[in-house]
PDB file of N, CA and C in Angstrom:
ATOM      1  N   ILE A   1     -28.584 -67.643   3.934  1.00  0.00           N
ATOM      2  CA  ILE A   1     -29.476 -66.526   4.215  1.00  0.00           C
ATOM      3  C   ILE A   1     -28.679 -65.368   4.773  1.00  0.00           C
ATOM      4  N   TYR A   2     -27.757 -65.615   5.690  1.00  0.00           N
ATOM      5  CA  TYR A   2     -26.973 -64.545   6.291  1.00  0.00           C
ATOM      6  C   TYR A   2     -26.159 -63.838   5.241  1.00  0.00           C
ATOM      7  N   THR A   3     -25.553 -64.571   4.307  1.00  0.00           N
ATOM      8  CA  THR A   3     -24.751 -63.993   3.264  1.00  0.00           C
ATOM      9  C   THR A   3     -25.606 -63.117   2.381  1.00  0.00           C
ATOM     10  N   SER A   4     -26.805 -63.530   2.097  1.00  0.00           N
ATOM     11  CA  SER A   4     -27.717 -62.707   1.249  1.00  0.00           C
ATOM     12  C   SER A   4     -28.076 -61.403   1.959  1.00  0.00           C
ATOM     13  N   LEU A   5     -28.332 -61.493   3.245  1.00  0.00           N
ATOM     14  CA  LEU A   5     -28.704 -60.280   4.018  1.00  0.00           C
ATOM     15  C   LEU A   5     -27.522 -59.312   4.071  1.00  0.00           C
ATOM     16  N   TYR A   6     -26.346 -59.862   4.342  1.00  0.00           N
ATOM     17  CA  TYR A   6     -25.145 -59.092   4.415  1.00  0.00           C
ATOM     18  C   TYR A   6     -24.861 -58.394   3.081  1.00  0.00           C
ATOM     19  N   THR A   7     -24.962 -59.155   2.019  1.00  0.00           N
ATOM     20  CA  THR A   7     -24.730 -58.634   0.660  1.00  0.00           C
ATOM     21  C   THR A   7     -25.740 -57.546   0.361  1.00  0.00           C
ATOM     22  N   LEU A   8     -26.975 -57.786   0.713  1.00  0.00           N
ATOM     23  CA  LEU A   8     -28.017 -56.809   0.469  1.00  0.00           C
ATOM     24  C   LEU A   8     -27.760 -55.550   1.260  1.00  0.00           C
ATOM     25  N   SER A   9     -27.307 -55.674   2.511  1.00  0.00           N
ATOM     26  CA  SER A   9     -27.039 -54.518   3.344  1.00  0.00           C
ATOM     27  C   SER A   9     -25.871 -53.708   2.712  1.00  0.00           C
ATOM     28  N   LEU A  10     -24.838 -54.380   2.300  1.00  0.00           N
ATOM     29  CA  LEU A  10     -23.724 -53.682   1.626  1.00  0.00           C
ATOM     30  C   LEU A  10     -24.191 -53.002   0.361  1.00  0.00           C
ATOM     31  N   HIS A  11     -24.991 -53.698  -0.374  1.00  0.00           N
ATOM     32  CA  HIS A  11     -25.534 -53.158  -1.602  1.00  0.00           C
ATOM     33  C   HIS A  11     -26.350 -51.908  -1.354  1.00  0.00           C
ATOM     34  N   ASP A  12     -27.113 -51.914  -0.264  1.00  0.00           N
ATOM     35  CA  ASP A  12     -27.907 -50.732   0.082  1.00  0.00           C
ATOM     36  C   ASP A  12     -27.043 -49.629   0.669  1.00  0.00           C
ATOM     37  N   ALA A  13     -26.050 -50.015   1.448  1.00  0.00           N
ATOM     38  CA  ALA A  13     -25.225 -49.026   2.140  1.00  0.00           C
ATOM     39  C   ALA A  13     -24.255 -48.292   1.200  1.00  0.00           C
ATOM     40  N   LEU A  14     -23.797 -48.971   0.191  1.00  0.00           N
ATOM     41  CA  LEU A  14     -22.820 -48.361  -0.695  1.00  0.00           C
ATOM     42  C   LEU A  14     -23.326 -47.081  -1.353  1.00  0.00           C
ATOM     43  N   PRO A  15     -24.492 -47.047  -1.949  1.00  0.00           N
ATOM     44  CA  PRO A  15     -24.985 -45.835  -2.512  1.00  0.00           C
ATOM     45  C   PRO A  15     -25.162 -44.718  -1.467  1.00  0.00           C
ATOM     46  N   ILE A  16     -25.611 -45.084  -0.273  1.00  0.00           N
ATOM     47  CA  ILE A  16     -25.768 -44.115   0.767  1.00  0.00           C
ATOM     48  C   ILE A  16     -24.385 -43.527   1.153  1.00  0.00           C
ATOM     49  N   TYR A  17     -23.376 -44.374   1.268  1.00  0.00           N
ATOM     50  CA  TYR A  17     -22.019 -43.930   1.563  1.00  0.00           C
ATOM     51  C   TYR A  17     -21.494 -43.009   0.495  1.00  0.00           C
ATOM     52  N   ILE A  18     -21.698 -43.413  -0.787  1.00  0.00           N
ATOM     53  CA  ILE A  18     -21.229 -42.573  -1.893  1.00  0.00           C
ATOM     54  C   ILE A  18     -21.920 -41.234  -1.883  1.00  0.00           C
ATOM     55  N   VAL A  19     -23.202 -41.229  -1.638  1.00  0.00           N
ATOM     56  CA  VAL A  19     -23.958 -39.954  -1.616  1.00  0.00           C
ATOM     57  C   VAL A  19     -23.467 -39.067  -0.473  1.00  0.00           C
ATOM     58  N   ARG A  20     -23.271 -39.686   0.694  1.00  0.00           N
ATOM     59  CA  ARG A  20     -22.789 -38.893   1.855  1.00  0.00           C
ATOM     60  C   ARG A  20     -21.389 -38.335   1.574  1.00  0.00           C
ATOM     61  N   LYS A  21     -20.521 -39.127   1.002  1.00  0.00           N
ATOM     62  CA  LYS A  21     -19.164 -38.676   0.663  1.00  0.00           C
ATOM     63  C   LYS A  21     -19.241 -37.501  -0.360  1.00  0.00           C
ATOM     64  N   ALA A  22     -20.130 -37.647  -1.323  1.00  0.00           N
ATOM     65  CA  ALA A  22     -20.294 -36.567  -2.331  1.00  0.00           C
ATOM     66  C   ALA A  22     -20.833 -35.299  -1.674  1.00  0.00           C
ATOM     67  N   GLU A  23     -21.779 -35.451  -0.745  1.00  0.00           N
ATOM     68  CA  GLU A  23     -22.340 -34.300  -0.049  1.00  0.00           C
ATOM     69  C   GLU A  23     -21.240 -33.628   0.812  1.00  0.00           C
ATOM     70  N   ASP A  24     -20.466 -34.437   1.521  1.00  0.00           N
ATOM     71  CA  ASP A  24     -19.373 -33.887   2.307  1.00  0.00           C
ATOM     72  C   ASP A  24     -18.376 -33.146   1.418  1.00  0.00           C
ATOM     73  N   ARG A  25     -18.072 -33.724   0.290  1.00  0.00           N
ATOM     74  CA  ARG A  25     -17.101 -33.157  -0.599  1.00  0.00           C
ATOM     75  C   ARG A  25     -17.695 -31.806  -1.163  1.00  0.00           C
ATOM     76  N   ALA A  26     -18.924 -31.842  -1.507  1.00  0.00           N
ATOM     77  CA  ALA A  26     -19.581 -30.636  -2.046  1.00  0.00           C
ATOM     78  C   ALA A  26     -19.618 -29.537  -0.971  1.00  0.00           C
ATOM     79  N   LYS A  27     -19.912 -29.917   0.231  1.00  0.00           N
ATOM     80  CA  LYS A  27     -19.917 -28.952   1.346  1.00  0.00           C
ATOM     81  C   LYS A  27     -18.529 -28.355   1.569  1.00  0.00           C
ATOM     82  N   ALA A  28     -17.486 -29.181   1.497  1.00  0.00           N
ATOM     83  CA  ALA A  28     -16.128 -28.694   1.670  1.00  0.00           C
ATOM     84  C   ALA A  28     -15.750 -27.720   0.516  1.00  0.00           C
ATOM     85  N   LEU A  29     -16.181 -28.073  -0.658  1.00  0.00           N
ATOM     86  CA  LEU A  29     -15.866 -27.185  -1.840  1.00  0.00           C
ATOM     87  C   LEU A  29     -16.586 -25.837  -1.682  1.00  0.00           C
ATOM     88  N   VAL A  30     -17.828 -25.881  -1.225  1.00  0.00           N
ATOM     89  CA  VAL A  30     -18.561 -24.615  -1.036  1.00  0.00           C
ATOM     90  C   VAL A  30     -17.902 -23.783   0.064  1.00  0.00           C
ATOM     91  N   GLU A  31     -17.473 -24.445   1.133  1.00  0.00           N
ATOM     92  CA  GLU A  31     -16.758 -23.738   2.199  1.00  0.00           C
ATOM     93  C   GLU A  31     -15.427 -23.125   1.657  1.00  0.00           C
ATOM     94  N   GLN A  32     -14.721 -23.883   0.854  1.00  0.00           N
ATOM     95  CA  GLN A  32     -13.447 -23.390   0.283  1.00  0.00           C
ATOM     96  C   GLN A  32     -13.709 -22.229  -0.668  1.00  0.00           C
ATOM     97  N   GLU A  33     -14.804 -22.316  -1.404  1.00  0.00           N
ATOM     98  CA  GLU A  33     -15.142 -21.230  -2.319  1.00  0.00           C
ATOM     99  C   GLU A  33     -15.497 -19.952  -1.546  1.00  0.00           C
ATOM    100  N   GLU A  34     -16.261 -20.131  -0.448  1.00  0.00           N
ATOM    101  CA  GLU A  34     -16.607 -18.992   0.392  1.00  0.00           C
ATOM    102  C   GLU A  34     -15.374 -18.358   1.030  1.00  0.00           C
ATOM    103  N   ILE A  35     -14.476 -19.208   1.493  1.00  0.00           N
ATOM    104  CA  ILE A  35     -13.220 -18.693   2.089  1.00  0.00           C
ATOM    105  C   ILE A  35     -12.411 -17.937   1.007  1.00  0.00           C
ATOM    106  N   THR A  36     -12.364 -18.481  -0.241  1.00  0.00           N
ATOM    107  CA  THR A  36     -11.683 -17.836  -1.307  1.00  0.00           C
ATOM    108  C   THR A  36     -12.308 -16.468  -1.613  1.00  0.00           C
ATOM    109  N   LYS A  37     -13.646 -16.427  -1.666  1.00  0.00           N
ATOM    110  CA  LYS A  37     -14.327 -15.155  -1.943  1.00  0.00           C
ATOM    111  C   LYS A  37     -14.015 -14.140  -0.829  1.00  0.00           C
ATOM    112  N   GLN A  38     -14.072 -14.598   0.429  1.00  0.00           N
ATOM    113  CA  GLN A  38     -13.788 -13.684   1.536  1.00  0.00           C
ATOM    114  C   GLN A  38     -12.335 -13.174   1.446  1.00  0.00           C
ATOM    115  N   ALA A  39     -11.436 -14.082   1.104  1.00  0.00           N
ATOM    116  CA  ALA A  39     -10.003 -13.697   0.982  1.00  0.00           C
ATOM    117  C   ALA A  39      -9.805 -12.662  -0.134  1.00  0.00           C
ATOM    118  N   GLN A  40     -10.496 -12.903  -1.244  1.00  0.00           N
ATOM    119  CA  GLN A  40     -10.392 -11.944  -2.360  1.00  0.00           C
ATOM    120  C   GLN A  40     -10.968 -10.626  -1.997  1.00  0.00           C
ATOM    121  N   THR A  41     -12.086 -10.583  -1.307  1.00  0.00           N
ATOM    122  CA  THR A  41     -12.683  -9.373  -0.857  1.00  0.00           C
ATOM    123  C   THR A  41     -11.758  -8.614   0.062  1.00  0.00           C
ATOM    124  N   ARG A  42     -11.179  -9.311   0.983  1.00  0.00           N
ATOM    125  CA  ARG A  42     -10.255  -8.710   1.975  1.00  0.00           C
ATOM    126  C   ARG A  42      -9.023  -8.204   1.243  1.00  0.00           C
ATOM    127  N   ALA A  43      -8.521  -8.962   0.250  1.00  0.00           N
ATOM    128  CA  ALA A  43      -7.343  -8.499  -0.497  1.00  0.00           C
ATOM    129  C   ALA A  43      -7.613  -7.214  -1.221  1.00  0.00           C
ATOM    130  N   VAL A  44      -8.793  -7.093  -1.794  1.00  0.00           N
ATOM    131  CA  VAL A  44      -9.176  -5.839  -2.485  1.00  0.00           C
ATOM    132  C   VAL A  44      -9.235  -4.683  -1.488  1.00  0.00           C
ATOM    133  N   GLU A  45      -9.787  -4.924  -0.307  1.00  0.00           N
ATOM    134  CA  GLU A  45      -9.853  -3.909   0.721  1.00  0.00           C
ATOM    135  C   GLU A  45      -8.443  -3.457   1.133  1.00  0.00           C
ATOM    136  N   VAL A  46      -7.582  -4.426   1.387  1.00  0.00           N
ATOM    137  CA  VAL A  46      -6.192  -4.111   1.792  1.00  0.00           C
ATOM    138  C   VAL A  46      -5.476  -3.331   0.663  1.00  0.00           C
ATOM    139  N   LEU A  47      -5.640  -3.761  -0.537  1.00  0.00           N
ATOM    140  CA  LEU A  47      -5.008  -3.080  -1.664  1.00  0.00           C
ATOM    141  C   LEU A  47      -5.522  -1.647  -1.787  1.00  0.00           C
ATOM    142  N   THR A  48      -6.799  -1.469  -1.657  1.00  0.00           N
ATOM    143  CA  THR A  48      -7.402  -0.128  -1.731  1.00  0.00           C
ATOM    144  C   THR A  48      -6.852   0.775  -0.639  1.00  0.00           C
ATOM    145  N   GLN A  49      -6.782   0.253   0.557  1.00  0.00           N
ATOM    146  CA  GLN A  49      -6.218   1.020   1.709  1.00  0.00           C
ATOM    147  C   GLN A  49      -4.771   1.372   1.431  1.00  0.00           C
ATOM    148  N   ALA A  50      -4.011   0.431   0.956  1.00  0.00           N
ATOM    149  CA  ALA A  50      -2.579   0.638   0.667  1.00  0.00           C
ATOM    150  C   ALA A  50      -2.402   1.706  -0.421  1.00  0.00           C
ATOM    151  N   GLN A  51      -3.253   1.711  -1.432  1.00  0.00           N
ATOM    152  CA  GLN A  51      -3.188   2.701  -2.479  1.00  0.00           C
ATOM    153  C   GLN A  51      -3.554   4.084  -1.952  1.00  0.00           C
ATOM    154  N   MET A  52      -4.522   4.140  -1.069  1.00  0.00           N
ATOM    155  CA  MET A  52      -4.884   5.450  -0.435  1.00  0.00           C
ATOM    156  C   MET A  52      -3.744   5.959   0.419  1.00  0.00           C
ATOM    157  N   LYS A  53      -3.150   5.127   1.218  1.00  0.00           N
ATOM    158  CA  LYS A  53      -2.031   5.508   2.083  1.00  0.00           C
ATOM    159  C   LYS A  53      -0.847   5.941   1.201  1.00  0.00           C
ATOM    160  N   SER A  54      -0.610   5.243   0.098  1.00  0.00           N
ATOM    161  CA  SER A  54       0.467   5.625  -0.773  1.00  0.00           C
ATOM    162  C   SER A  54       0.238   7.003  -1.360  1.00  0.00           C
ATOM    163  N   ARG A  55      -1.000   7.297  -1.783  1.00  0.00           N
ATOM    164  CA  ARG A  55      -1.296   8.636  -2.309  1.00  0.00           C
ATOM    165  C   ARG A  55      -1.085   9.700  -1.247  1.00  0.00           C
ATOM    166  N   GLU A  56      -1.571   9.403   0.003  1.00  0.00           N
ATOM    167  CA  GLU A  56      -1.392  10.372   1.108  1.00  0.00           C
ATOM    168  C   GLU A  56       0.105  10.610   1.362  1.00  0.00           C
ATOM    169  N   MET A  57       0.895   9.557   1.395  1.00  0.00           N
ATOM    170  CA  MET A  57       2.319   9.712   1.655  1.00  0.00           C
ATOM    171  C   MET A  57       3.006  10.462   0.532  1.00  0.00           C
ATOM    172  N   ARG A  58       2.613  10.149  -0.711  1.00  0.00           N
ATOM    173  CA  ARG A  58       3.211  10.849  -1.862  1.00  0.00           C
ATOM    174  C   ARG A  58       2.883  12.356  -1.778  1.00  0.00           C
ATOM    175  N   GLN A  59       1.630  12.675  -1.478  1.00  0.00           N
ATOM    176  CA  GLN A  59       1.259  14.118  -1.364  1.00  0.00           C
ATOM    177  C   GLN A  59       2.001  14.769  -0.213  1.00  0.00           C
ATOM    178  N   ALA A  60       2.047  14.080   0.907  1.00  0.00           N
ATOM    179  CA  ALA A  60       2.783  14.695   2.059  1.00  0.00           C
ATOM    180  C   ALA A  60       4.246  14.907   1.743  1.00  0.00           C
ATOM    181  N   SER A  61       4.876  13.934   1.043  1.00  0.00           N
ATOM    182  CA  SER A  61       6.274  14.137   0.697  1.00  0.00           C
ATOM    183  C   SER A  61       6.471  15.215  -0.314  1.00  0.00           C
ATOM    184  N   GLN A  62       5.507  15.367  -1.237  1.00  0.00           N
ATOM    185  CA  GLN A  62       5.629  16.474  -2.200  1.00  0.00           C
ATOM    186  C   GLN A  62       5.461  17.831  -1.538  1.00  0.00           C
ATOM    187  N   GLU A  63       4.490  17.914  -0.585  1.00  0.00           N
ATOM    188  CA  GLU A  63       4.291  19.123   0.179  1.00  0.00           C
ATOM    189  C   GLU A  63       5.576  19.503   0.989  1.00  0.00           C
ATOM    190  N   PHE A  64       6.153  18.459   1.627  1.00  0.00           N
ATOM    191  CA  PHE A  64       7.339  18.669   2.401  1.00  0.00           C
ATOM    192  C   PHE A  64       8.461  19.192   1.525  1.00  0.00           C
ATOM    193  N   ALA A  65       8.680  18.531   0.387  1.00  0.00           N
ATOM    194  CA  ALA A  65       9.741  18.912  -0.560  1.00  0.00           C
ATOM    195  C   ALA A  65       9.544  20.339  -1.023  1.00  0.00           C
ATOM    196  N   GLU A  66       8.321  20.679  -1.346  1.00  0.00           N
ATOM    197  CA  GLU A  66       7.987  22.056  -1.825  1.00  0.00           C
ATOM    198  C   GLU A  66       8.315  23.047  -0.732  1.00  0.00           C
ATOM    199  N   THR A  67       7.907  22.743   0.494  1.00  0.00           N
ATOM    200  CA  THR A  67       8.182  23.661   1.625  1.00  0.00           C
ATOM    201  C   THR A  67       9.681  23.833   1.833  1.00  0.00           C
ATOM    202  N   MET A  68      10.406  22.721   1.797  1.00  0.00           N
ATOM    203  CA  MET A  68      11.874  22.819   1.986  1.00  0.00           C
ATOM    204  C   MET A  68      12.581  23.556   0.878  1.00  0.00           C
ATOM    205  N   LEU A  69      12.119  23.325  -0.366  1.00  0.00           N
ATOM    206  CA  LEU A  69      12.734  23.996  -1.530  1.00  0.00           C
ATOM    207  C   LEU A  69      12.414  25.539  -1.464  1.00  0.00           C
ATOM    208  N   LYS A  70      11.189  25.833  -1.077  1.00  0.00           N
ATOM    209  CA  LYS A  70      10.838  27.248  -0.953  1.00  0.00           C
ATOM    210  C   LYS A  70      11.687  27.926   0.129  1.00  0.00           C
ATOM    211  N   SER A  71      11.869  27.256   1.269  1.00  0.00           N
ATOM    212  CA  SER A  71      12.673  27.804   2.323  1.00  0.00           C
ATOM    213  C   SER A  71      14.111  27.940   1.893  1.00  0.00           C
ATOM    214  N   THR A  72      14.637  26.944   1.210  1.00  0.00           N
ATOM    215  CA  THR A  72      16.007  27.005   0.694  1.00  0.00           C
ATOM    216  C   THR A  72      16.174  28.165  -0.289  1.00  0.00           C
ATOM    217  N   GLU A  73      15.206  28.311  -1.162  1.00  0.00           N
ATOM    218  CA  GLU A  73      15.266  29.418  -2.147  1.00  0.00           C
ATOM    219  C   GLU A  73      15.256  30.782  -1.448  1.00  0.00           C
ATOM    220  N   GLU A  74      14.397  30.948  -0.428  1.00  0.00           N
ATOM    221  CA  GLU A  74      14.342  32.180   0.344  1.00  0.00           C
ATOM    222  C   GLU A  74      15.690  32.461   1.041  1.00  0.00           C
ATOM    223  N   THR A  75      16.268  31.407   1.642  1.00  0.00           N
ATOM    224  CA  THR A  75      17.556  31.561   2.325  1.00  0.00           C
ATOM    225  C   THR A  75      18.644  31.932   1.316  1.00  0.00           C
ATOM    226  N   LEU A  76      18.688  31.273   0.152  1.00  0.00           N
ATOM    227  CA  LEU A  76      19.665  31.604  -0.847  1.00  0.00           C
ATOM    228  C   LEU A  76      19.503  32.991  -1.408  1.00  0.00           C
ATOM    229  N   THR A  77      18.232  33.427  -1.595  1.00  0.00           N
ATOM    230  CA  THR A  77      17.958  34.799  -2.084  1.00  0.00           C
ATOM    231  C   THR A  77      18.475  35.816  -1.089  1.00  0.00           C
ATOM    232  N   LYS A  78      18.251  35.567   0.242  1.00  0.00           N
ATOM    233  CA  LYS A  78      18.727  36.451   1.278  1.00  0.00           C
ATOM    234  C   LYS A  78      20.246  36.452   1.272  1.00  0.00           C
ATOM    235  N   ALA A  79      20.851  35.283   1.194  1.00  0.00           N
ATOM    236  CA  ALA A  79      22.318  35.184   1.206  1.00  0.00           C
ATOM    237  C   ALA A  79      22.903  35.908  -0.007  1.00  0.00           C
ATOM    238  N   LEU A  80      22.258  35.775  -1.200  1.00  0.00           N
ATOM    239  CA  LEU A  80      22.738  36.473  -2.369  1.00  0.00           C
ATOM    240  C   LEU A  80      22.634  37.991  -2.212  1.00  0.00           C
ATOM    241  N   SER A  81      21.547  38.419  -1.637  1.00  0.00           N
ATOM    242  CA  SER A  81      21.375  39.846  -1.350  1.00  0.00           C
ATOM    243  C   SER A  81      22.463  40.352  -0.398  1.00  0.00           C
ATOM    244  N   ASP A  82      22.749  39.557   0.635  1.00  0.00           N
ATOM    245  CA  ASP A  82      23.804  39.950   1.576  1.00  0.00           C
ATOM    246  C   ASP A  82      25.171  39.977   0.880  1.00  0.00           C
ATOM    247  N   VAL A  83      25.424  39.043   0.008  1.00  0.00           N
ATOM    248  CA  VAL A  83      26.722  39.019  -0.725  1.00  0.00           C
ATOM    249  C   VAL A  83      26.805  40.270  -1.599  1.00  0.00           C
ATOM    250  N   ARG A  84      25.725  40.613  -2.291  1.00  0.00           N
ATOM    251  CA  ARG A  84      25.731  41.786  -3.150  1.00  0.00           C
ATOM    252  C   ARG A  84      25.925  43.070  -2.341  1.00  0.00           C
ATOM    253  N   SER A  85      25.247  43.141  -1.171  1.00  0.00           N
ATOM    254  CA  SER A  85      25.379  44.314  -0.298  1.00  0.00           C
ATOM    255  C   SER A  85      26.830  44.449   0.213  1.00  0.00           C
ATOM    256  N   THR A  86      27.402  43.329   0.611  1.00  0.00           N
ATOM    257  CA  THR A  86      28.766  43.329   1.095  1.00  0.00           C
ATOM    258  C   THR A  86      29.712  43.721  -0.031  1.00  0.00           C
ATOM    259  N   ARG A  87      29.528  43.200  -1.196  1.00  0.00           N
ATOM    260  CA  ARG A  87      30.339  43.544  -2.337  1.00  0.00           C
ATOM    261  C   ARG A  87      30.275  45.039  -2.643  1.00  0.00           C
ATOM    262  N   GLN A  88      29.067  45.528  -2.625  1.00  0.00           N
ATOM    263  CA  GLN A  88      28.880  46.950  -2.861  1.00  0.00           C
ATOM    264  C   GLN A  88      29.544  47.783  -1.794  1.00  0.00           C
ATOM    265  N   ALA A  89      29.425  47.337  -0.529  1.00  0.00           N
ATOM    266  CA  ALA A  89      30.064  48.089   0.554  1.00  0.00           C
ATOM    267  C   ALA A  89      31.564  48.073   0.379  1.00  0.00           C
ATOM    268  N   LEU A  90      32.134  46.936  -0.057  1.00  0.00           N
ATOM    269  CA  LEU A  90      33.585  46.841  -0.281  1.00  0.00           C
ATOM    270  C   LEU A  90      34.021  47.794  -1.392  1.00  0.00           C
ATOM    271  N   LYS A  91      33.222  47.781  -2.490  1.00  0.00           N
ATOM    272  CA  LYS A  91      33.555  48.692  -3.587  1.00  0.00           C
ATOM    273  C   LYS A  91      33.537  50.148  -3.113  1.00  0.00           C
ATOM    274  N   THR A  92      32.483  50.495  -2.423  1.00  0.00           N
ATOM    275  CA  THR A  92      32.356  51.860  -1.898  1.00  0.00           C
ATOM    276  C   THR A  92      33.475  52.216  -0.954  1.00  0.00           C
ATOM    277  N   SER A  93      33.810  51.313  -0.101  1.00  0.00           N
ATOM    278  CA  SER A  93      34.916  51.531   0.869  1.00  0.00           C
ATOM    279  C   SER A  93      36.200  51.686   0.122  1.00  0.00           C
ATOM    280  N   GLY A  94      36.450  50.898  -0.898  1.00  0.00           N
ATOM    281  CA  GLY A  94      37.634  50.943  -1.673  1.00  0.00           C
ATOM    282  C   GLY A  94      37.760  52.300  -2.427  1.00  0.00           C
ATOM    283  N   ARG A  95      36.682  52.792  -2.960  1.00  0.00           N
ATOM    284  CA  ARG A  95      36.672  54.068  -3.660  1.00  0.00           C
ATOM    285  C   ARG A  95      36.955  55.243  -2.701  1.00  0.00           C
ATOM    286  N   ASN A  96      36.312  55.132  -1.517  1.00  0.00           N
ATOM    287  CA  ASN A  96      36.541  56.177  -0.512  1.00  0.00           C
ATOM    288  C   ASN A  96      37.994  56.209  -0.061  1.00  0.00           C
ATOM    289  N   GLN A  97      38.642  55.067   0.060  1.00  0.00           N
ATOM    290  CA  GLN A  97      40.028  55.043   0.485  1.00  0.00           C
ATOM    291  C   GLN A  97      40.956  55.553  -0.622  1.00  0.00           C
ATOM    292  N   GLN A  98      40.580  55.333  -1.902  1.00  0.00           N
ATOM    293  CA  GLN A  98      41.410  55.811  -3.023  1.00  0.00           C
ATOM    294  C   GLN A  98      41.308  57.328  -3.113  1.00  0.00           C
ATOM    295  N   LYS A  99      40.180  57.916  -2.753  1.00  0.00           N
ATOM    296  CA  LYS A  99      40.014  59.335  -2.817  1.00  0.00           C
ATOM    297  C   LYS A  99      40.783  60.038  -1.736  1.00  0.00           C
ATOM    298  N   GLN A 100      41.062  59.362  -0.678  1.00  0.00           N
ATOM    299  CA  GLN A 100      41.753  60.016   0.454  1.00  0.00           C
ATOM    300  C   GLN A 100      43.188  60.036   0.253  1.00  0.00           C
TER     301      GLN A 100
END
């Protein structure tokens, strides 16, 4: 009689155990899926922010380069003008000395 009861209990408990294990596994999979979805969402957010920062940095560097090139061009134009003025002054000075 004891063996029959024990066997019957195991027979009844086994499906319950299998169902509980399956439920636990399903719950774990759902949790993993949710974590994966959250990670993917966060990854998209991080990537979007990085792309925005990259565009901002690119624009700032282009503006800086344009400002520096403009300043350099203005400096070189002034220097060229000074060179031409000095050259002209030397020519004029040389002519004046030849006349004397």
